[in-house]
Amino acid sequence: MQSPIMGAELSSARRKISTTTTGVSLSSAGADYSTGTFTAAEGWLIVYLVKQ
């Protein structure tokens, strides 16, 4: 879950957030507005771990 910080300046740039079994990666998404992309503004990335 990506949560933008209130009052942060908005950008037209995008970031793609991908997950695997071993980690999380952030990469440039250009002008891609598909699922899994978010604005490149300052924010928090919150990760929940679930024990199975």
PDB file of N, CA and C in Angstrom:
ATOM      1  N   MET A   1       0.845  -1.172   0.000  1.00  0.00           N
ATOM      2  CA  MET A   1       0.000   0.000   0.000  1.00  0.00           C
ATOM      3  C   MET A   1       0.889   1.233   0.000  1.00  0.00           C
ATOM      4  N   GLN A   2       0.734   2.102  -0.970  1.00  0.00           N
ATOM      5  CA  GLN A   2       1.507   3.338  -1.052  1.00  0.00           C
ATOM      6  C   GLN A   2       0.617   4.466  -0.568  1.00  0.00           C
ATOM      7  N   SER A   3       1.127   5.269   0.360  1.00  0.00           N
ATOM      8  CA  SER A   3       0.339   6.341   0.948  1.00  0.00           C
ATOM      9  C   SER A   3       1.056   7.674   0.772  1.00  0.00           C
ATOM     10  N   PRO A   4       0.555   8.563  -0.110  1.00  0.00           N
ATOM     11  CA  PRO A   4       1.202   9.857  -0.310  1.00  0.00           C
ATOM     12  C   PRO A   4       1.157  10.716   0.954  1.00  0.00           C
ATOM     13  N   ILE A   5       2.160  11.524   1.131  1.00  0.00           N
ATOM     14  CA  ILE A   5       2.223  12.444   2.261  1.00  0.00           C
ATOM     15  C   ILE A   5       1.391  13.675   1.927  1.00  0.00           C
ATOM     16  N   MET A   6       0.559  14.095   2.857  1.00  0.00           N
ATOM     17  CA  MET A   6      -0.293  15.269   2.639  1.00  0.00           C
ATOM     18  C   MET A   6       0.567  16.504   2.373  1.00  0.00           C
ATOM     19  N   GLY A   7       0.182  17.291   1.402  1.00  0.00           N
ATOM     20  CA  GLY A   7       0.886  18.521   1.097  1.00  0.00           C
ATOM     21  C   GLY A   7       2.090  18.343   0.190  1.00  0.00           C
ATOM     22  N   ALA A   8       2.439  17.097  -0.146  1.00  0.00           N
ATOM     23  CA  ALA A   8       3.581  16.872  -1.029  1.00  0.00           C
ATOM     24  C   ALA A   8       3.237  17.348  -2.440  1.00  0.00           C
ATOM     25  N   GLU A   9       4.219  17.871  -3.136  1.00  0.00           N
ATOM     26  CA  GLU A   9       4.001  18.343  -4.494  1.00  0.00           C
ATOM     27  C   GLU A   9       3.753  17.145  -5.409  1.00  0.00           C
ATOM     28  N   LEU A  10       2.688  17.205  -6.218  1.00  0.00           N
ATOM     29  CA  LEU A  10       2.375  16.098  -7.111  1.00  0.00           C
ATOM     30  C   LEU A  10       3.253  16.136  -8.344  1.00  0.00           C
ATOM     31  N   SER A  11       3.534  14.962  -8.880  1.00  0.00           N
ATOM     32  CA  SER A  11       4.390  14.827 -10.045  1.00  0.00           C
ATOM     33  C   SER A  11       3.639  14.048 -11.113  1.00  0.00           C
ATOM     34  N   SER A  12       3.964  14.267 -12.381  1.00  0.00           N
ATOM     35  CA  SER A  12       3.350  13.481 -13.454  1.00  0.00           C
ATOM     36  C   SER A  12       4.106  12.171 -13.666  1.00  0.00           C
ATOM     37  N   ALA A  13       5.283  12.026 -13.030  1.00  0.00           N
ATOM     38  CA  ALA A  13       6.059  10.789 -13.135  1.00  0.00           C
ATOM     39  C   ALA A  13       5.357   9.674 -12.365  1.00  0.00           C
ATOM     40  N   ARG A  14       5.587   8.435 -12.772  1.00  0.00           N
ATOM     41  CA  ARG A  14       4.951   7.283 -12.139  1.00  0.00           C
ATOM     42  C   ARG A  14       6.021   6.299 -11.670  1.00  0.00           C
ATOM     43  N   ARG A  15       5.681   5.500 -10.674  1.00  0.00           N
ATOM     44  CA  ARG A  15       6.549   4.430 -10.165  1.00  0.00           C
ATOM     45  C   ARG A  15       5.767   3.128 -10.200  1.00  0.00           C
ATOM     46  N   LYS A  16       6.451   2.025 -10.499  1.00  0.00           N
ATOM     47  CA  LYS A  16       5.834   0.702 -10.479  1.00  0.00           C
ATOM     48  C   LYS A  16       6.346  -0.031  -9.249  1.00  0.00           C
ATOM     49  N   ILE A  17       5.439  -0.616  -8.481  1.00  0.00           N
ATOM     50  CA  ILE A  17       5.797  -1.376  -7.291  1.00  0.00           C
ATOM     51  C   ILE A  17       5.537  -2.847  -7.586  1.00  0.00           C
ATOM     52  N   SER A  18       6.592  -3.663  -7.489  1.00  0.00           N
ATOM     53  CA  SER A  18       6.483  -5.099  -7.759  1.00  0.00           C
ATOM     54  C   SER A  18       6.931  -5.875  -6.532  1.00  0.00           C
ATOM     55  N   THR A  19       6.307  -7.015  -6.300  1.00  0.00           N
ATOM     56  CA  THR A  19       6.702  -7.867  -5.179  1.00  0.00           C
ATOM     57  C   THR A  19       7.038  -9.265  -5.678  1.00  0.00           C
ATOM     58  N   THR A  20       7.944  -9.903  -4.963  1.00  0.00           N
ATOM     59  CA  THR A  20       8.294 -11.300  -5.210  1.00  0.00           C
ATOM     60  C   THR A  20       8.326 -12.004  -3.857  1.00  0.00           C
ATOM     61  N   THR A  21       8.672 -13.253  -3.851  1.00  0.00           N
ATOM     62  CA  THR A  21       8.757 -13.975  -2.583  1.00  0.00           C
ATOM     63  C   THR A  21       9.945 -13.515  -1.750  1.00  0.00           C
ATOM     64  N   THR A  22      10.884 -12.791  -2.357  1.00  0.00           N
ATOM     65  CA  THR A  22      12.077 -12.356  -1.629  1.00  0.00           C
ATOM     66  C   THR A  22      12.181 -10.856  -1.405  1.00  0.00           C
ATOM     67  N   GLY A  23      11.235 -10.048  -1.934  1.00  0.00           N
ATOM     68  CA  GLY A  23      11.359  -8.615  -1.703  1.00  0.00           C
ATOM     69  C   GLY A  23      10.384  -7.765  -2.482  1.00  0.00           C
ATOM     70  N   VAL A  24      10.630  -6.460  -2.401  1.00  0.00           N
ATOM     71  CA  VAL A  24       9.817  -5.440  -3.054  1.00  0.00           C
ATOM     72  C   VAL A  24      10.744  -4.595  -3.912  1.00  0.00           C
ATOM     73  N   SER A  25      10.322  -4.266  -5.129  1.00  0.00           N
ATOM     74  CA  SER A  25      11.154  -3.402  -5.965  1.00  0.00           C
ATOM     75  C   SER A  25      10.326  -2.231  -6.479  1.00  0.00           C
ATOM     76  N   LEU A  26      10.987  -1.092  -6.598  1.00  0.00           N
ATOM     77  CA  LEU A  26      10.391   0.127  -7.144  1.00  0.00           C
ATOM     78  C   LEU A  26      11.137   0.466  -8.421  1.00  0.00           C
ATOM     79  N   SER A  27      10.399   0.792  -9.484  1.00  0.00           N
ATOM     80  CA  SER A  27      11.046   1.170 -10.736  1.00  0.00           C
ATOM     81  C   SER A  27      10.238   2.271 -11.410  1.00  0.00           C
ATOM     82  N   SER A  28      10.850   2.920 -12.366  1.00  0.00           N
ATOM     83  CA  SER A  28      10.176   3.982 -13.111  1.00  0.00           C
ATOM     84  C   SER A  28       9.092   3.367 -13.991  1.00  0.00           C
ATOM     85  N   ALA A  29       7.926   3.998 -14.057  1.00  0.00           N
ATOM     86  CA  ALA A  29       6.833   3.503 -14.901  1.00  0.00           C
ATOM     87  C   ALA A  29       6.497   4.482 -16.015  1.00  0.00           C
ATOM     88  N   GLY A  30       7.275   5.563 -16.132  1.00  0.00           N
ATOM     89  CA  GLY A  30       7.014   6.544 -17.188  1.00  0.00           C
ATOM     90  C   GLY A  30       5.607   7.113 -17.088  1.00  0.00           C
ATOM     91  N   ALA A  31       4.826   6.977 -18.149  1.00  0.00           N
ATOM     92  CA  ALA A  31       3.451   7.479 -18.173  1.00  0.00           C
ATOM     93  C   ALA A  31       2.440   6.329 -18.062  1.00  0.00           C
ATOM     94  N   ASP A  32       2.873   5.190 -17.532  1.00  0.00           N
ATOM     95  CA  ASP A  32       2.019   4.003 -17.379  1.00  0.00           C
ATOM     96  C   ASP A  32       1.065   4.186 -16.202  1.00  0.00           C
ATOM     97  N   TYR A  33      -0.235   4.127 -16.462  1.00  0.00           N
ATOM     98  CA  TYR A  33      -1.249   4.291 -15.414  1.00  0.00           C
ATOM     99  C   TYR A  33      -1.965   2.982 -15.100  1.00  0.00           C
ATOM    100  N   SER A  34      -1.345   1.847 -15.430  1.00  0.00           N
ATOM    101  CA  SER A  34      -1.983   0.556 -15.193  1.00  0.00           C
ATOM    102  C   SER A  34      -1.897   0.164 -13.714  1.00  0.00           C
ATOM    103  N   THR A  35      -2.530  -0.945 -13.360  1.00  0.00           N
ATOM    104  CA  THR A  35      -2.523  -1.442 -11.991  1.00  0.00           C
ATOM    105  C   THR A  35      -1.093  -1.663 -11.510  1.00  0.00           C
ATOM    106  N   GLY A  36      -0.817  -1.265 -10.269  1.00  0.00           N
ATOM    107  CA  GLY A  36       0.519  -1.439  -9.695  1.00  0.00           C
ATOM    108  C   GLY A  36       1.435  -0.251  -9.890  1.00  0.00           C
ATOM    109  N   THR A  37       0.911   0.839 -10.491  1.00  0.00           N
ATOM    110  CA  THR A  37       1.712   2.052 -10.639  1.00  0.00           C
ATOM    111  C   THR A  37       1.107   3.162  -9.791  1.00  0.00           C
ATOM    112  N   PHE A  38       1.969   4.029  -9.304  1.00  0.00           N
ATOM    113  CA  PHE A  38       1.557   5.104  -8.406  1.00  0.00           C
ATOM    114  C   PHE A  38       2.314   6.367  -8.763  1.00  0.00           C
ATOM    115  N   THR A  39       1.798   7.521  -8.336  1.00  0.00           N
ATOM    116  CA  THR A  39       2.504   8.777  -8.559  1.00  0.00           C
ATOM    117  C   THR A  39       3.863   8.734  -7.866  1.00  0.00           C
ATOM    118  N   ALA A  40       4.846   9.408  -8.453  1.00  0.00           N
ATOM    119  CA  ALA A  40       6.201   9.391  -7.912  1.00  0.00           C
ATOM    120  C   ALA A  40       6.400  10.465  -6.842  1.00  0.00           C
ATOM    121  N   ALA A  41       5.311  10.893  -6.209  1.00  0.00           N
ATOM    122  CA  ALA A  41       5.402  11.882  -5.132  1.00  0.00           C
ATOM    123  C   ALA A  41       5.976  11.229  -3.879  1.00  0.00           C
ATOM    124  N   GLU A  42       6.471  12.064  -2.980  1.00  0.00           N
ATOM    125  CA  GLU A  42       6.979  11.583  -1.701  1.00  0.00           C
ATOM    126  C   GLU A  42       5.861  10.860  -0.951  1.00  0.00           C
ATOM    127  N   GLY A  43       6.183   9.767  -0.300  1.00  0.00           N
ATOM    128  CA  GLY A  43       5.153   9.023   0.428  1.00  0.00           C
ATOM    129  C   GLY A  43       5.740   7.899   1.253  1.00  0.00           C
ATOM    130  N   TRP A  44       4.873   7.119   1.838  1.00  0.00           N
ATOM    131  CA  TRP A  44       5.253   5.958   2.635  1.00  0.00           C
ATOM    132  C   TRP A  44       4.866   4.696   1.878  1.00  0.00           C
ATOM    133  N   LEU A  45       5.705   3.674   1.949  1.00  0.00           N
ATOM    134  CA  LEU A  45       5.358   2.364   1.415  1.00  0.00           C
ATOM    135  C   LEU A  45       5.173   1.455   2.623  1.00  0.00           C
ATOM    136  N   ILE A  46       3.956   1.005   2.833  1.00  0.00           N
ATOM    137  CA  ILE A  46       3.624   0.202   4.002  1.00  0.00           C
ATOM    138  C   ILE A  46       3.482  -1.252   3.569  1.00  0.00           C
ATOM    139  N   VAL A  47       4.216  -2.144   4.208  1.00  0.00           N
ATOM    140  CA  VAL A  47       4.224  -3.551   3.849  1.00  0.00           C
ATOM    141  C   VAL A  47       3.695  -4.361   5.038  1.00  0.00           C
ATOM    142  N   TYR A  48       2.739  -5.224   4.783  1.00  0.00           N
ATOM    143  CA  TYR A  48       2.195  -6.118   5.800  1.00  0.00           C
ATOM    144  C   TYR A  48       2.726  -7.522   5.585  1.00  0.00           C
ATOM    145  N   LEU A  49       3.269  -8.136   6.619  1.00  0.00           N
ATOM    146  CA  LEU A  49       3.733  -9.515   6.558  1.00  0.00           C
ATOM    147  C   LEU A  49       2.692 -10.399   7.225  1.00  0.00           C
ATOM    148  N   VAL A  50       2.337 -11.476   6.561  1.00  0.00           N
ATOM    149  CA  VAL A  50       1.325 -12.386   7.095  1.00  0.00           C
ATOM    150  C   VAL A  50       1.969 -13.746   7.308  1.00  0.00           C
ATOM    151  N   LYS A  51       1.904 -14.229   8.541  1.00  0.00           N
ATOM    152  CA  LYS A  51       2.436 -15.551   8.863  1.00  0.00           C
ATOM    153  C   LYS A  51       1.392 -16.593   8.486  1.00  0.00           C
ATOM    154  N   GLN A  52       1.818 -17.633   7.770  1.00  0.00           N
ATOM    155  CA  GLN A  52       0.877 -18.680   7.367  1.00  0.00           C
ATOM    156  C   GLN A  52       1.208 -19.982   8.054  1.00  0.00           C
TER     157      GLN A  52
END
